[in-house]
C-alpha atoms as a PDB file:
ATOM      1  CA  MET A   1     107.033  58.934  70.793  1.00  0.00           C
ATOM      2  CA  LYS A   2     108.505  58.730  67.237  1.00  0.00           C
ATOM      3  CA  ILE A   3     111.548  60.858  66.272  1.00  0.00           C
ATOM      4  CA  LEU A   4     113.308  61.106  63.004  1.00  0.00           C
ATOM      5  CA  ALA A   5     116.925  61.795  63.629  1.00  0.00           C
ATOM      6  CA  ILE A   6     119.318  62.629  60.696  1.00  0.00           C
ATOM      7  CA  ASP A   7     122.951  63.166  61.370  1.00  0.00           C
ATOM      8  CA  ILE A   8     124.918  64.542  58.255  1.00  0.00           C
ATOM      9  CA  GLY A   9     128.641  64.121  58.179  1.00  0.00           C
ATOM     10  CA  ALA A  10     131.301  64.635  55.729  1.00  0.00           C
ATOM     11  CA  GLY A  11     131.234  60.938  54.555  1.00  0.00           C
ATOM     12  CA  THR A  12     127.761  59.698  55.566  1.00  0.00           C
ATOM     13  CA  GLN A  13     124.299  60.621  56.660  1.00  0.00           C
ATOM     14  CA  ASP A  14     123.227  58.422  59.463  1.00  0.00           C
ATOM     15  CA  ILE A  15     119.476  58.070  59.904  1.00  0.00           C
ATOM     16  CA  LEU A  16     117.420  56.726  62.710  1.00  0.00           C
ATOM     17  CA  LEU A  17     113.674  56.356  62.891  1.00  0.00           C
ATOM     18  CA  TYR A  18     113.202  56.133  66.694  1.00  0.00           C
ATOM     19  CA  ASP A  19     110.149  54.594  68.125  1.00  0.00           C
ATOM     20  CA  SER A  20     109.779  54.532  71.940  1.00  0.00           C
ATOM     21  CA  GLU A  21     107.586  51.522  71.678  1.00  0.00           C
ATOM     22  CA  LYS A  22     110.298  49.369  70.166  1.00  0.00           C
ATOM     23  CA  LYS A  23     113.597  48.174  71.417  1.00  0.00           C
ATOM     24  CA  ILE A  24     116.268  50.310  69.830  1.00  0.00           C
ATOM     25  CA  GLU A  25     117.653  47.400  67.979  1.00  0.00           C
ATOM     26  CA  ASN A  26     114.363  47.060  66.195  1.00  0.00           C
ATOM     27  CA  CYS A  27     114.030  50.700  65.152  1.00  0.00           C
ATOM     28  CA  ILE A  28     114.770  51.451  61.489  1.00  0.00           C
ATOM     29  CA  SER A  29     118.322  52.775  60.968  1.00  0.00           C
ATOM     30  CA  PHE A  30     120.442  53.222  57.919  1.00  0.00           C
ATOM     31  CA  VAL A  31     123.639  54.771  56.692  1.00  0.00           C
ATOM     32  CA  LEU A  32     123.926  56.573  53.365  1.00  0.00           C
ATOM     33  CA  PRO A  33     126.522  58.582  51.522  1.00  0.00           C
ATOM     34  CA  THR A  34     126.410  62.183  52.610  1.00  0.00           C
ATOM     35  CA  PRO A  35     124.451  64.444  50.081  1.00  0.00           C
ATOM     36  CA  SER A  36     127.690  66.254  48.990  1.00  0.00           C
ATOM     37  CA  LYS A  37     129.082  62.954  47.708  1.00  0.00           C
ATOM     38  CA  TYR A  38     125.895  62.173  45.842  1.00  0.00           C
ATOM     39  CA  PHE A  39     125.776  65.479  44.188  1.00  0.00           C
ATOM     40  CA  ALA A  40     129.476  65.333  43.328  1.00  0.00           C
ATOM     41  CA  GLU A  41     128.923  62.171  41.394  1.00  0.00           C
ATOM     42  CA  ILE A  42     126.088  63.712  39.415  1.00  0.00           C
ATOM     43  CA  LEU A  43     128.246  66.711  38.495  1.00  0.00           C
ATOM     44  CA  LYS A  44     131.091  64.421  37.441  1.00  0.00           C
ATOM     45  CA  LYS A  45     128.848  63.110  34.618  1.00  0.00           C
ATOM     46  CA  ILE A  46     127.795  66.460  33.321  1.00  0.00           C
ATOM     47  CA  LYS A  47     129.742  67.517  30.194  1.00  0.00           C
ATOM     48  CA  ASN A  48     128.450  71.095  30.027  1.00  0.00           C
ATOM     49  CA  HIS A  49     128.250  74.469  31.807  1.00  0.00           C
ATOM     50  CA  VAL A  50     126.075  73.932  34.914  1.00  0.00           C
ATOM     51  CA  TYR A  51     123.723  76.122  37.052  1.00  0.00           C
ATOM     52  CA  ILE A  52     123.499  74.822  40.614  1.00  0.00           C
ATOM     53  CA  TYR A  53     120.623  76.030  42.847  1.00  0.00           C
ATOM     54  CA  GLY A  54     118.848  74.897  45.982  1.00  0.00           C
ATOM     55  CA  ASP A  55     119.753  74.762  49.691  1.00  0.00           C
ATOM     56  CA  THR A  56     122.848  75.436  51.694  1.00  0.00           C
ATOM     57  CA  ILE A  57     124.500  72.110  52.173  1.00  0.00           C
ATOM     58  CA  GLY A  58     127.837  70.674  53.330  1.00  0.00           C
ATOM     59  CA  GLY A  59     130.360  71.480  50.563  1.00  0.00           C
ATOM     60  CA  GLY A  60     133.071  68.967  50.866  1.00  0.00           C
ATOM     61  CA  SER A  61     132.996  66.551  47.951  1.00  0.00           C
ATOM     62  CA  LEU A  62     130.728  68.715  45.907  1.00  0.00           C
ATOM     63  CA  GLY A  63     133.084  71.727  46.296  1.00  0.00           C
ATOM     64  CA  ARG A  64     136.055  69.818  45.211  1.00  0.00           C
ATOM     65  CA  GLU A  65     134.065  68.387  42.078  1.00  0.00           C
ATOM     66  CA  ILE A  66     132.945  71.989  41.150  1.00  0.00           C
ATOM     67  CA  LEU A  67     136.646  73.194  41.113  1.00  0.00           C
ATOM     68  CA  ARG A  68     137.504  70.176  38.793  1.00  0.00           C
ATOM     69  CA  HIS A  69     134.536  71.114  36.599  1.00  0.00           C
ATOM     70  CA  ILE A  70     135.830  74.650  36.275  1.00  0.00           C
ATOM     71  CA  GLN A  71     139.288  73.396  35.412  1.00  0.00           C
ATOM     72  CA  LYS A  72     137.797  71.328  32.607  1.00  0.00           C
ATOM     73  CA  GLY A  73     136.851  74.671  31.019  1.00  0.00           C
ATOM     74  CA  TYR A  74     133.101  74.674  32.099  1.00  0.00           C
ATOM     75  CA  ARG A  75     131.300  77.535  33.721  1.00  0.00           C
ATOM     76  CA  VAL A  76     129.719  76.986  37.039  1.00  0.00           C
ATOM     77  CA  VAL A  77     126.954  79.460  38.204  1.00  0.00           C
ATOM     78  CA  MET A  78     125.506  79.026  41.682  1.00  0.00           C
ATOM     79  CA  GLU A  79     122.390  80.534  43.293  1.00  0.00           C
ATOM     80  CA  GLU A  80     123.339  82.530  46.370  1.00  0.00           C
ATOM     81  CA  SER A  81     121.889  80.077  48.810  1.00  0.00           C
ATOM     82  CA  ALA A  82     123.536  77.211  47.248  1.00  0.00           C
ATOM     83  CA  ALA A  83     126.948  78.998  46.926  1.00  0.00           C
ATOM     84  CA  TYR A  84     127.075  79.290  50.675  1.00  0.00           C
ATOM     85  CA  SER A  85     127.742  75.580  50.560  1.00  0.00           C
ATOM     86  CA  ILE A  86     131.148  76.188  49.356  1.00  0.00           C
ATOM     87  CA  ARG A  87     132.228  78.988  51.643  1.00  0.00           C
ATOM     88  CA  ASN A  88     130.434  81.278  54.096  1.00  0.00           C
ATOM     89  CA  ASP A  89     132.062  84.280  52.304  1.00  0.00           C
ATOM     90  CA  LEU A  90     130.729  84.754  48.869  1.00  0.00           C
ATOM     91  CA  ASP A  91     133.780  86.730  47.808  1.00  0.00           C
ATOM     92  CA  GLU A  92     135.779  83.584  48.579  1.00  0.00           C
ATOM     93  CA  VAL A  93     133.458  81.599  46.383  1.00  0.00           C
ATOM     94  CA  LYS A  94     133.750  83.947  43.497  1.00  0.00           C
ATOM     95  CA  SER A  95     137.657  83.961  43.886  1.00  0.00           C
ATOM     96  CA  MET A  96     137.497  80.206  43.044  1.00  0.00           C
ATOM     97  CA  GLY A  97     135.990  80.939  39.612  1.00  0.00           C
ATOM     98  CA  ILE A  98     132.411  80.074  40.711  1.00  0.00           C
ATOM     99  CA  GLU A  99     129.915  82.670  39.426  1.00  0.00           C
ATOM    100  CA  VAL A 100     127.158  83.544  41.890  1.00  0.00           C
ATOM    101  CA  GLY A 101     123.789  84.686  40.543  1.00  0.00           C
ATOM    102  CA  LYS A 102     120.661  83.739  38.586  1.00  0.00           C
ATOM    103  CA  ARG A 103     120.583  81.112  35.973  1.00  0.00           C
ATOM    104  CA  PRO A 104     122.095  82.314  32.632  1.00  0.00           C
ATOM    105  CA  GLY A 105     119.731  82.579  29.836  1.00  0.00           C
ATOM    106  CA  ALA A 106     121.871  80.572  27.538  1.00  0.00           C
ATOM    107  CA  ASP A 107     120.576  77.106  26.541  1.00  0.00           C
ATOM    108  CA  HIS A 108     123.781  75.340  27.076  1.00  0.00           C
ATOM    109  CA  PHE A 109     123.551  75.285  30.832  1.00  0.00           C
ATOM    110  CA  GLU A 110     122.420  72.232  32.617  1.00  0.00           C
ATOM    111  CA  GLU A 111     120.663  72.655  35.867  1.00  0.00           C
ATOM    112  CA  MET A 112     121.340  70.706  39.213  1.00  0.00           C
ATOM    113  CA  GLU A 113     119.369  71.259  42.367  1.00  0.00           C
ATOM    114  CA  ILE A 114     121.072  70.453  45.704  1.00  0.00           C
ATOM    115  CA  ARG A 115     119.344  69.705  48.931  1.00  0.00           C
ATOM    116  CA  GLU A 116     120.547  68.130  52.145  1.00  0.00           C
ATOM    117  CA  VAL A 117     117.234  66.994  53.756  1.00  0.00           C
ATOM    118  CA  ASN A 118     114.919  65.287  51.292  1.00  0.00           C
ATOM    119  CA  LEU A 119     111.972  63.952  53.243  1.00  0.00           C
ATOM    120  CA  SER A 120     109.970  63.194  50.158  1.00  0.00           C
ATOM    121  CA  LEU A 121     112.557  60.812  48.992  1.00  0.00           C
ATOM    122  CA  LEU A 122     113.008  59.254  52.463  1.00  0.00           C
ATOM    123  CA  GLY A 123     109.219  58.832  52.892  1.00  0.00           C
ATOM    124  CA  GLN A 124     109.001  57.034  49.523  1.00  0.00           C
ATOM    125  CA  PHE A 125     111.756  54.520  50.538  1.00  0.00           C
ATOM    126  CA  LEU A 126     110.129  53.874  53.820  1.00  0.00           C
ATOM    127  CA  SER A 127     106.764  53.407  52.371  1.00  0.00           C
ATOM    128  CA  ASN A 128     108.124  50.229  50.672  1.00  0.00           C
ATOM    129  CA  PHE A 129     108.423  48.730  54.177  1.00  0.00           C
ATOM    130  CA  GLY A 130     105.054  49.837  55.584  1.00  0.00           C
ATOM    131  CA  GLU A 131     106.631  52.804  57.444  1.00  0.00           C
ATOM    132  CA  ASP A 132     105.961  56.465  57.173  1.00  0.00           C
ATOM    133  CA  LEU A 133     107.281  59.722  58.524  1.00  0.00           C
ATOM    134  CA  LYS A 134     104.502  60.574  60.901  1.00  0.00           C
ATOM    135  CA  VAL A 135     106.701  61.549  63.773  1.00  0.00           C
ATOM    136  CA  ASP A 136     106.358  63.776  66.814  1.00  0.00           C
ATOM    137  CA  ILE A 137     109.660  65.629  66.187  1.00  0.00           C
ATOM    138  CA  MET A 138     112.635  65.838  63.803  1.00  0.00           C
ATOM    139  CA  ALA A 139     116.130  66.347  64.856  1.00  0.00           C
ATOM    140  CA  ILE A 140     118.842  67.138  62.411  1.00  0.00           C
ATOM    141  CA  ALA A 141     122.647  67.591  62.880  1.00  0.00           C
ATOM    142  CA  VAL A 142     125.063  69.298  60.396  1.00  0.00           C
ATOM    143  CA  GLN A 143     128.351  70.934  60.934  1.00  0.00           C
ATOM    144  CA  ASP A 144     128.071  74.757  60.669  1.00  0.00           C
ATOM    145  CA  HIS A 145     130.945  77.041  61.051  1.00  0.00           C
ATOM    146  CA  GLY A 146     128.723  80.149  60.866  1.00  0.00           C
ATOM    147  CA  VAL A 147     129.190  83.161  58.747  1.00  0.00           C
ATOM    148  CA  SER A 148     132.056  85.071  60.507  1.00  0.00           C
ATOM    149  CA  PRO A 149     132.518  88.831  60.372  1.00  0.00           C
ATOM    150  CA  LYS A 150     134.847  90.153  57.538  1.00  0.00           C
ATOM    151  CA  GLY A 151     138.402  89.599  58.577  1.00  0.00           C
ATOM    152  CA  VAL A 152     137.533  86.986  61.298  1.00  0.00           C
ATOM    153  CA  SER A 153     138.590  83.374  60.764  1.00  0.00           C
ATOM    154  CA  ASP A 154     135.637  81.037  60.595  1.00  0.00           C
ATOM    155  CA  ARG A 155     137.614  78.599  62.548  1.00  0.00           C
ATOM    156  CA  ALA A 156     137.931  81.069  65.485  1.00  0.00           C
ATOM    157  CA  PHE A 157     134.259  82.261  65.004  1.00  0.00           C
ATOM    158  CA  ARG A 158     133.033  78.722  65.214  1.00  0.00           C
ATOM    159  CA  PHE A 159     134.969  77.838  68.375  1.00  0.00           C
ATOM    160  CA  GLU A 160     134.099  81.151  70.079  1.00  0.00           C
ATOM    161  CA  ASN A 161     130.290  80.474  69.620  1.00  0.00           C
ATOM    162  CA  MET A 162     130.736  76.842  70.912  1.00  0.00           C
ATOM    163  CA  GLU A 163     132.755  78.273  73.989  1.00  0.00           C
ATOM    164  CA  ARG A 164     130.027  80.841  74.631  1.00  0.00           C
ATOM    165  CA  MET A 165     127.314  78.198  74.616  1.00  0.00           C
ATOM    166  CA  LEU A 166     129.470  76.036  76.868  1.00  0.00           C
ATOM    167  CA  ARG A 167     129.814  78.758  79.459  1.00  0.00           C
ATOM    168  CA  GLU A 168     126.127  79.447  79.425  1.00  0.00           C
ATOM    169  CA  ASP A 169     124.906  75.861  79.880  1.00  0.00           C
ATOM    170  CA  ASN A 170     127.469  72.938  79.802  1.00  0.00           C
ATOM    171  CA  ARG A 171     124.900  70.153  79.741  1.00  0.00           C
ATOM    172  CA  PRO A 172     125.339  68.384  76.424  1.00  0.00           C
ATOM    173  CA  GLU A 173     121.542  68.074  75.971  1.00  0.00           C
ATOM    174  CA  ALA A 174     121.372  71.919  75.775  1.00  0.00           C
ATOM    175  CA  PHE A 175     123.522  72.273  72.689  1.00  0.00           C
ATOM    176  CA  HIS A 176     120.587  72.365  70.217  1.00  0.00           C
ATOM    177  CA  PHE A 177     118.422  75.038  68.627  1.00  0.00           C
ATOM    178  CA  LEU A 178     114.611  74.831  68.157  1.00  0.00           C
ATOM    179  CA  GLU A 179     113.327  75.987  64.890  1.00  0.00           C
ATOM    180  CA  GLY A 180     112.917  79.747  65.047  1.00  0.00           C
ATOM    181  CA  SER A 181     115.742  80.241  67.485  1.00  0.00           C
ATOM    182  CA  ILE A 182     118.809  79.472  65.331  1.00  0.00           C
ATOM    183  CA  PRO A 183     121.154  82.425  65.045  1.00  0.00           C
ATOM    184  CA  ASP A 184     121.248  84.084  61.670  1.00  0.00           C
ATOM    185  CA  TYR A 185     124.914  83.260  61.092  1.00  0.00           C
ATOM    186  CA  TYR A 186     124.183  79.533  60.969  1.00  0.00           C
ATOM    187  CA  LEU A 187     123.057  79.409  57.360  1.00  0.00           C
ATOM    188  CA  ARG A 188     123.451  75.688  57.033  1.00  0.00           C
ATOM    189  CA  MET A 189     121.520  74.804  60.015  1.00  0.00           C
ATOM    190  CA  LYS A 190     118.591  77.249  59.002  1.00  0.00           C
ATOM    191  CA  SER A 191     118.644  75.780  55.511  1.00  0.00           C
ATOM    192  CA  ALA A 192     118.312  72.236  56.917  1.00  0.00           C
ATOM    193  CA  VAL A 193     115.372  73.229  58.983  1.00  0.00           C
ATOM    194  CA  ALA A 194     113.587  75.044  56.140  1.00  0.00           C
ATOM    195  CA  ALA A 195     114.080  72.014  53.880  1.00  0.00           C
ATOM    196  CA  ALA A 196     112.379  69.875  56.525  1.00  0.00           C
ATOM    197  CA  LYS A 197     109.531  72.244  56.974  1.00  0.00           C
ATOM    198  CA  ARG A 198     108.833  72.209  53.265  1.00  0.00           C
ATOM    199  CA  ALA A 199     107.591  68.633  53.644  1.00  0.00           C
ATOM    200  CA  SER A 200     106.450  68.550  57.314  1.00  0.00           C
ATOM    201  CA  SER A 201     104.739  70.544  59.844  1.00  0.00           C
ATOM    202  CA  VAL A 202     106.229  68.870  62.967  1.00  0.00           C
ATOM    203  CA  ALA A 203     108.771  70.731  65.248  1.00  0.00           C
ATOM    204  CA  VAL A 204     112.359  70.657  64.156  1.00  0.00           C
ATOM    205  CA  ILE A 205     115.460  70.934  66.367  1.00  0.00           C
ATOM    206  CA  VAL A 206     118.994  71.158  64.916  1.00  0.00           C
ATOM    207  CA  MET A 207     122.476  70.852  66.500  1.00  0.00           C
ATOM    208  CA  ASP A 208     126.012  70.655  65.427  1.00  0.00           C
ATOM    209  CA  THR A 209     127.329  67.143  64.620  1.00  0.00           C
ATOM    210  CA  CYS A 210     130.163  67.457  67.085  1.00  0.00           C
ATOM    211  CA  PHE A 211     127.632  67.803  69.988  1.00  0.00           C
ATOM    212  CA  SER A 212     125.183  65.167  68.691  1.00  0.00           C
ATOM    213  CA  ALA A 213     128.141  62.585  68.697  1.00  0.00           C
ATOM    214  CA  ILE A 214     129.113  63.675  72.305  1.00  0.00           C
ATOM    215  CA  LEU A 215     125.488  63.489  73.486  1.00  0.00           C
ATOM    216  CA  GLY A 216     125.040  60.167  71.795  1.00  0.00           C
ATOM    217  CA  CYS A 217     127.808  58.576  74.042  1.00  0.00           C
ATOM    218  CA  LEU A 218     126.270  59.859  77.222  1.00  0.00           C
ATOM    219  CA  ASP A 219     124.694  56.474  78.148  1.00  0.00           C
ATOM    220  CA  GLU A 220     128.216  54.858  78.002  1.00  0.00           C
ATOM    221  CA  VAL A 221     129.738  57.500  80.373  1.00  0.00           C
ATOM    222  CA  PRO A 222     130.564  55.549  83.614  1.00  0.00           C
ATOM    223  CA  GLY A 223     132.013  58.468  85.480  1.00  0.00           C
ATOM    224  CA  PRO A 224     134.825  61.053  84.603  1.00  0.00           C
ATOM    225  CA  SER A 225     135.159  60.463  80.932  1.00  0.00           C
ATOM    226  CA  LEU A 226     136.740  61.912  77.766  1.00  0.00           C
ATOM    227  CA  VAL A 227     134.490  61.430  74.686  1.00  0.00           C
ATOM    228  CA  VAL A 228     136.180  61.721  71.354  1.00  0.00           C
ATOM    229  CA  ASN A 229     134.650  61.857  67.896  1.00  0.00           C
ATOM    230  CA  VAL A 230     137.334  61.292  65.282  1.00  0.00           C
ATOM    231  CA  GLY A 231     135.461  62.366  62.182  1.00  0.00           C
ATOM    232  CA  ASN A 232     136.404  62.696  58.489  1.00  0.00           C
ATOM    233  CA  GLY A 233     136.929  66.426  58.734  1.00  0.00           C
ATOM    234  CA  HIS A 234     137.077  67.331  62.400  1.00  0.00           C
ATOM    235  CA  THR A 235     138.056  65.648  65.649  1.00  0.00           C
ATOM    236  CA  ILE A 236     136.047  66.716  68.677  1.00  0.00           C
ATOM    237  CA  ALA A 237     136.867  65.850  72.420  1.00  0.00           C
ATOM    238  CA  ALA A 238     134.797  66.638  75.410  1.00  0.00           C
ATOM    239  CA  LEU A 239     135.647  66.019  79.097  1.00  0.00           C
ATOM    240  CA  LEU A 240     132.518  64.954  80.881  1.00  0.00           C
ATOM    241  CA  LEU A 241     132.405  65.334  84.655  1.00  0.00           C
ATOM    242  CA  GLU A 242     129.037  64.571  86.332  1.00  0.00           C
ATOM    243  CA  ARG A 243     127.510  64.430  82.758  1.00  0.00           C
ATOM    244  CA  LYS A 244     128.523  68.015  81.964  1.00  0.00           C
ATOM    245  CA  ILE A 245     131.029  69.269  79.437  1.00  0.00           C
ATOM    246  CA  GLU A 246     133.971  70.660  81.380  1.00  0.00           C
ATOM    247  CA  ALA A 247     136.519  70.812  78.419  1.00  0.00           C
ATOM    248  CA  LEU A 248     136.218  71.007  74.724  1.00  0.00           C
ATOM    249  CA  TYR A 249     138.700  70.437  71.881  1.00  0.00           C
ATOM    250  CA  GLU A 250     138.262  70.728  68.177  1.00  0.00           C
ATOM    251  CA  HIS A 251     140.971  70.020  65.537  1.00  0.00           C
ATOM    252  CA  HIS A 252     141.193  68.862  61.862  1.00  0.00           C
ATOM    253  CA  THR A 253     141.554  65.226  61.734  1.00  0.00           C
ATOM    254  CA  HIS A 254     144.103  65.314  58.914  1.00  0.00           C
ATOM    255  CA  GLU A 255     146.424  67.442  60.928  1.00  0.00           C
ATOM    256  CA  LEU A 256     146.566  64.802  63.762  1.00  0.00           C
ATOM    257  CA  THR A 257     149.000  62.016  64.359  1.00  0.00           C
ATOM    258  CA  PRO A 258     148.277  59.468  67.141  1.00  0.00           C
ATOM    259  CA  LYS A 259     151.091  61.107  69.272  1.00  0.00           C
ATOM    260  CA  LYS A 260     149.817  64.651  68.719  1.00  0.00           C
ATOM    261  CA  LEU A 261     146.275  63.526  69.536  1.00  0.00           C
ATOM    262  CA  GLU A 262     147.324  61.911  72.701  1.00  0.00           C
ATOM    263  CA  ASP A 263     149.495  64.787  73.850  1.00  0.00           C
ATOM    264  CA  ASP A 264     146.708  67.323  73.141  1.00  0.00           C
ATOM    265  CA  LEU A 265     144.107  65.194  75.023  1.00  0.00           C
ATOM    266  CA  ARG A 266     146.170  64.693  78.085  1.00  0.00           C
ATOM    267  CA  LEU A 267     146.859  68.441  78.313  1.00  0.00           C
ATOM    268  CA  LEU A 268     143.230  69.275  77.718  1.00  0.00           C
ATOM    269  CA  VAL A 269     142.035  67.193  80.685  1.00  0.00           C
ATOM    270  CA  ARG A 270     144.608  68.763  83.071  1.00  0.00           C
ATOM    271  CA  GLY A 271     143.632  72.298  81.651  1.00  0.00           C
ATOM    272  CA  GLU A 272     147.139  72.899  80.191  1.00  0.00           C
ATOM    273  CA  LEU A 273     146.208  72.981  76.516  1.00  0.00           C
ATOM    274  CA  SER A 274     146.416  76.368  74.951  1.00  0.00           C
ATOM    275  CA  GLY A 275     143.593  77.185  72.539  1.00  0.00           C
ATOM    276  CA  LYS A 276     145.682  79.486  70.742  1.00  0.00           C
ATOM    277  CA  LYS A 277     148.294  76.715  70.183  1.00  0.00           C
ATOM    278  CA  VAL A 278     145.528  74.514  68.721  1.00  0.00           C
ATOM    279  CA  PHE A 279     144.347  77.329  66.433  1.00  0.00           C
ATOM    280  CA  ASP A 280     148.002  78.159  65.206  1.00  0.00           C
ATOM    281  CA  GLU A 281     148.305  74.518  64.288  1.00  0.00           C
ATOM    282  CA  ASN A 282     145.351  74.793  61.970  1.00  0.00           C
ATOM    283  CA  GLY A 283     142.774  73.505  64.524  1.00  0.00           C
ATOM    284  CA  HIS A 284     139.858  75.383  66.000  1.00  0.00           C
ATOM    285  CA  GLY A 285     140.565  75.727  69.642  1.00  0.00           C
ATOM    286  CA  ALA A 286     140.459  74.186  73.141  1.00  0.00           C
ATOM    287  CA  ILE A 287     138.922  75.373  76.500  1.00  0.00           C
ATOM    288  CA  THR A 288     139.052  73.571  79.850  1.00  0.00           C
ATOM    289  CA  LEU A 289     136.564  75.019  82.378  1.00  0.00           C
ATOM    290  CA  HIS A 290     137.377  72.578  85.209  1.00  0.00           C
ATOM    291  CA  PRO A 291     140.619  70.548  85.015  1.00  0.00           C
ATOM    292  CA  PHE A 292     140.693  66.988  86.178  1.00  0.00           C
ATOM    293  CA  HIS A 293     143.734  65.184  87.489  1.00  0.00           C
ATOM    294  CA  GLY A 294     142.500  61.725  87.990  1.00  0.00           C
ATOM    295  CA  ASP A 295     141.882  58.782  85.524  1.00  0.00           C
ATOM    296  CA  VAL A 296     139.130  59.171  83.034  1.00  0.00           C
ATOM    297  CA  SER A 297     137.438  56.656  80.835  1.00  0.00           C
ATOM    298  CA  VAL A 298     138.120  57.312  77.111  1.00  0.00           C
ATOM    299  CA  ILE A 299     135.143  56.633  74.776  1.00  0.00           C
ATOM    300  CA  VAL A 300     135.979  56.935  70.994  1.00  0.00           C
ATOM    301  CA  THR A 301     133.513  57.154  68.085  1.00  0.00           C
ATOM    302  CA  GLY A 302     133.762  58.476  64.446  1.00  0.00           C
ATOM    303  CA  PRO A 303     134.855  57.029  61.114  1.00  0.00           C
ATOM    304  CA  ASN A 304     138.650  57.589  61.823  1.00  0.00           C
ATOM    305  CA  ARG A 305     138.459  56.225  65.479  1.00  0.00           C
ATOM    306  CA  ASP A 306     141.275  53.787  64.663  1.00  0.00           C
ATOM    307  CA  LEU A 307     143.603  56.668  64.918  1.00  0.00           C
ATOM    308  CA  PHE A 308     143.553  55.833  68.725  1.00  0.00           C
ATOM    309  CA  LYS A 309     145.308  52.423  68.043  1.00  0.00           C
ATOM    310  CA  GLY A 310     148.468  54.276  67.548  1.00  0.00           C
ATOM    311  CA  THR A 311     148.230  55.900  70.958  1.00  0.00           C
ATOM    312  CA  SER A 312     148.974  54.471  74.457  1.00  0.00           C
ATOM    313  CA  ILE A 313     145.633  55.536  75.651  1.00  0.00           C
ATOM    314  CA  LYS A 314     143.202  52.805  77.006  1.00  0.00           C
ATOM    315  CA  PHE A 315     139.949  53.416  75.238  1.00  0.00           C
ATOM    316  CA  ILE A 316     136.586  51.674  74.272  1.00  0.00           C
ATOM    317  CA  TYR A 317     134.618  52.212  71.076  1.00  0.00           C
ATOM    318  CA  ALA A 318     131.114  53.830  71.568  1.00  0.00           C
ATOM    319  CA  ALA A 319     128.266  51.861  70.344  1.00  0.00           C
ATOM    320  CA  PRO A 320     124.928  53.392  71.524  1.00  0.00           C
ATOM    321  CA  GLY A 321     122.048  51.059  70.699  1.00  0.00           C
ATOM    322  CA  GLY A 322     124.694  48.516  69.664  1.00  0.00           C
ATOM    323  CA  ASN A 323     125.741  50.550  66.633  1.00  0.00           C
ATOM    324  CA  THR A 324     128.697  52.786  66.479  1.00  0.00           C
ATOM    325  CA  MET A 325     127.228  54.535  63.356  1.00  0.00           C
ATOM    326  CA  MET A 326     124.127  55.624  65.409  1.00  0.00           C
ATOM    327  CA  THR A 327     126.152  57.805  67.819  1.00  0.00           C
ATOM    328  CA  GLY A 328     125.010  61.024  66.227  1.00  0.00           C
ATOM    329  CA  PRO A 329     121.395  59.966  65.728  1.00  0.00           C
ATOM    330  CA  MET A 330     121.115  58.733  69.356  1.00  0.00           C
ATOM    331  CA  GLY A 331     122.398  62.042  70.470  1.00  0.00           C
ATOM    332  CA  LEU A 332     119.786  63.781  68.524  1.00  0.00           C
ATOM    333  CA  VAL A 333     117.080  61.539  70.095  1.00  0.00           C
ATOM    334  CA  ARG A 334     118.413  62.556  73.495  1.00  0.00           C
ATOM    335  CA  ALA A 335     118.306  66.205  72.423  1.00  0.00           C
ATOM    336  CA  ALA A 336     114.713  65.769  71.141  1.00  0.00           C
ATOM    337  CA  HIS A 337     113.512  64.168  74.471  1.00  0.00           C
ATOM    338  CA  TYR A 338     115.237  66.972  76.502  1.00  0.00           C
ATOM    339  CA  CYS A 339     113.646  69.570  74.191  1.00  0.00           C
ATOM    340  CA  ILE A 340     110.174  68.130  74.759  1.00  0.00           C
ATOM    341  CA  SER A 341     110.538  67.553  78.454  1.00  0.00           C
ATOM    342  CA  THR A 342     111.686  71.202  79.034  1.00  0.00           C
ATOM    343  CA  LYS A 343     108.902  72.536  77.063  1.00  0.00           C
ATOM    344  CA  SER A 344     106.301  70.446  78.901  1.00  0.00           C
ATOM    345  CA  GLN A 345     107.730  71.684  82.209  1.00  0.00           C
ATOM    346  CA  ALA A 346     107.477  75.403  81.200  1.00  0.00           C
ATOM    347  CA  PRO A 347     104.929  77.444  83.143  1.00  0.00           C
ATOM    348  CA  ASN A 348     102.853  78.299  80.153  1.00  0.00           C
ATOM    349  CA  SER A 349     102.940  74.782  78.537  1.00  0.00           C
ATOM    350  CA  GLN A 350      99.578  73.177  77.866  1.00  0.00           C
END
């Protein structure tokens, strides 16, 4: 079986071309700048008004560069699908000075297409090494807050949806969507799948980066464990008991000090951390289904994992397949295997 796994974070996109006939160490893997950073660099060189069109991608670096471009006195017009990259509420996008609509007729507008999944480019690169993208399934991870109803915080909306999924099925393998089953409010996930389908007919699954990271650490879980992904934007923690998620925590990394992180995690495991408290401190939330009062192994991943060095917590760094940067892709591979196995076991499967 061959699986293309693409995990797109705030700083990097981590890619694994998994081949079950090879040792994982011999599978092709690489780490590239996240698309948002790449497009921000392109925009930085444009000395003109600009029309941005294309897919819904992670805003991040591109969003900040767009605001700088406007501050320089240039107009920025974005196609609606591209504008959702900046905020899930287009009124908020417009309030930043970004125009949303079709390309202006004026000649002095430069155009920039944005896309998060570019299989044509990836295929061209791999062809130089005698490889191709003839895979059995693709798995993509992005972070998606979802389009929240008017007046509802997207932070609260995101965590409420995560909590709902958790209560329905708390196996980490189950936290994915097969193409066609993605809720309408997950615009970025739907856009990523659509981009993949423009270049390939194979099945695509998608999941949130927080769950791909948790799932990627599963092989390193020896027993009761706390898996923590300290990302560039978000920090996610999951209490795993008997390989199921029994507690979940999400905060913004820049809001955390080593002491605050340690205090929150200890409370989370015991079921004493208030989700409202986390939200009020500019995080997303916390939920504990089944508290645990014994010792847990702490497994840490993510680009800001060194935050744990300032805590008194004993921990290990995750390195699935011997590579800490492949935590997300390895989680995607697990989800793809799970998806295929459950489909093959269905009564009507062929």
